[in-house]
Amino acid sequence: MARCDEGYLCEVCGEPVEEITDSDLYLRYVIGQISIDELTNSPERHICCNPVQAQFIVDESFEAVAIDGAFDKRQLDPDQSKSQQELITRGWRRLQQVAKLGISIADYPLDKLRAQ
C-alpha cells in the first residue's frame, strides 16, 4: 500500500497522525529543520511522540512535556534552551494556524524562514 493510501503513521507509536496540528514532521518543516522536498521522505511522528522537541513547546493550549536525562531542556545552556523554546513554541502556534488558513504549503514556515 502506498504511503498516501495508508496515511502518515507515527514511527514511534504506529498510530496514524490524523491532524497536521499533531504532526512533528510539519512542525519541523514550519521551524526550518527540514525542507519542503523532505516532507514526503521523512519519518512522521506525533508531536508528543518526540518528547525531546515537544518539551520546548510552552503554551497553555499544549500539555507540557518533561523529560529526564541528557536531553532535558533544564540541563542545556539556558540561552540555548530559551532560544529553542521560543522557536518551537512559535512554530507550534504557526502549525495550529495553518490548519485553518487554507494557504499553500510553501507559506507554512515562520515568516523569518520564508524570507530566507
Protein backbone atom coordinates (compact mmCIF):
# COMPACT_ATOMS: atom_id res chain seq x y z
CA MET A 1 0.00 0.00 0.00
CA ALA A 2 1.30 3.44 -0.91
CA ARG A 3 2.06 5.89 1.87
CA CYS A 4 -0.70 8.18 0.62
CA ASP A 5 -3.19 5.29 0.82
CA GLU A 6 -2.31 4.36 4.38
CA GLY A 7 -1.87 7.87 5.72
CA TYR A 8 1.04 9.00 7.80
CA LEU A 9 1.83 6.54 10.55
CA CYS A 10 3.84 7.60 13.58
CA GLU A 11 7.19 5.83 13.53
CA VAL A 12 7.14 5.72 17.35
CA CYS A 13 3.65 4.52 18.31
CA GLY A 14 2.46 3.20 14.95
CA GLU A 15 -0.84 5.11 15.10
CA PRO A 16 -1.97 7.46 12.30
CA VAL A 17 -1.07 11.14 12.60
CA GLU A 18 -4.51 12.31 11.59
CA GLU A 19 -4.19 16.08 12.01
CA ILE A 20 -1.47 18.40 10.79
CA THR A 21 -1.71 20.15 14.16
CA ASP A 22 -0.33 16.96 15.77
CA SER A 23 2.43 16.43 13.20
CA ASP A 24 6.05 16.53 14.27
CA LEU A 25 7.01 16.32 10.59
CA TYR A 26 5.16 19.51 9.72
CA LEU A 27 6.35 21.22 12.90
CA ARG A 28 9.93 20.50 11.82
CA TYR A 29 9.11 21.96 8.39
CA VAL A 30 7.50 25.10 9.86
CA ILE A 31 10.58 25.81 12.01
CA GLY A 32 13.06 25.13 9.21
CA GLN A 33 14.53 21.81 10.35
CA ILE A 34 13.57 20.14 7.07
CA SER A 35 12.89 21.46 3.58
CA ILE A 36 9.68 21.15 1.60
CA ASP A 37 11.37 18.48 -0.53
CA GLU A 38 11.97 16.31 2.55
CA LEU A 39 8.30 16.19 3.62
CA THR A 40 7.46 13.12 1.56
CA ASN A 41 10.57 11.16 2.54
CA SER A 42 10.97 12.00 6.22
CA PRO A 43 9.51 9.92 9.04
CA GLU A 44 6.34 11.11 10.72
CA ARG A 45 5.62 11.24 14.44
CA HIS A 46 3.04 12.77 16.69
CA ILE A 47 4.47 15.86 18.35
CA CYS A 48 4.23 14.19 21.75
CA CYS A 49 6.00 11.10 20.42
CA ASN A 50 9.09 13.30 20.03
CA PRO A 51 9.43 14.48 23.65
CA VAL A 52 12.90 15.94 23.11
CA GLN A 53 11.34 18.54 20.83
CA ALA A 54 7.88 18.70 22.47
CA GLN A 55 9.39 19.79 25.79
CA PHE A 56 10.18 23.16 24.22
CA ILE A 57 6.52 23.97 23.47
CA VAL A 58 5.27 26.29 26.17
CA ASP A 59 1.67 27.26 25.61
CA GLU A 60 -1.40 26.95 27.80
CA SER A 61 -3.12 25.00 25.00
CA PHE A 62 -0.37 22.37 24.91
CA GLU A 63 0.11 19.81 27.65
CA ALA A 64 3.64 20.31 28.97
CA VAL A 65 6.18 17.57 28.30
CA ALA A 66 9.09 16.94 30.65
CA ILE A 67 11.93 14.52 30.13
CA ASP A 68 14.86 13.41 32.22
CA GLY A 69 18.41 12.82 31.14
CA ALA A 70 20.93 14.36 28.81
CA PHE A 71 18.32 15.95 26.52
CA ASP A 72 16.28 17.56 29.30
CA LYS A 73 15.99 21.24 28.43
CA ARG A 74 16.76 22.10 32.05
CA GLN A 75 20.21 20.55 31.55
CA LEU A 76 21.02 22.64 28.49
CA ASP A 77 22.64 26.03 28.31
CA PRO A 78 19.91 28.46 29.45
CA ASP A 79 20.31 30.69 26.38
CA GLN A 80 20.13 27.74 24.01
CA SER A 81 17.11 26.36 25.85
CA LYS A 82 15.33 29.73 25.71
CA SER A 83 16.08 30.08 22.01
CA GLN A 84 14.73 26.60 21.26
CA GLN A 85 11.66 27.25 23.39
CA GLU A 86 10.87 30.46 21.53
CA LEU A 87 11.38 28.90 18.08
CA ILE A 88 9.49 25.67 18.69
CA THR A 89 6.63 27.36 20.53
CA ARG A 90 6.28 29.89 17.67
CA GLY A 91 6.38 27.00 15.21
CA TRP A 92 3.72 25.05 17.09
CA ARG A 93 1.48 28.12 17.20
CA ARG A 94 2.01 28.64 13.47
CA LEU A 95 1.13 24.99 12.83
CA GLN A 96 -2.16 25.49 14.68
CA GLN A 97 -2.88 28.49 12.41
CA VAL A 98 -2.01 26.97 9.04
CA ALA A 99 -4.53 24.20 9.55
CA LYS A 100 -7.26 26.86 9.39
CA LEU A 101 -5.83 29.32 6.85
CA GLY A 102 -6.14 27.40 3.59
CA ILE A 103 -2.72 28.60 2.42
CA SER A 104 -0.09 27.00 0.22
CA ILE A 105 2.29 24.58 1.91
CA ALA A 106 5.15 26.85 0.81
CA ASP A 107 3.70 29.51 3.13
CA TYR A 108 3.64 27.29 6.25
CA PRO A 109 7.13 28.16 7.59
CA LEU A 110 7.60 31.02 10.02
CA ASP A 111 7.87 34.41 8.31
CA LYS A 112 11.59 34.76 9.02
CA LEU A 113 12.28 31.37 7.44
CA ARG A 114 10.17 32.05 4.33
CA ALA A 115 12.22 35.21 3.68
CA GLN A 116 15.47 33.22 3.51
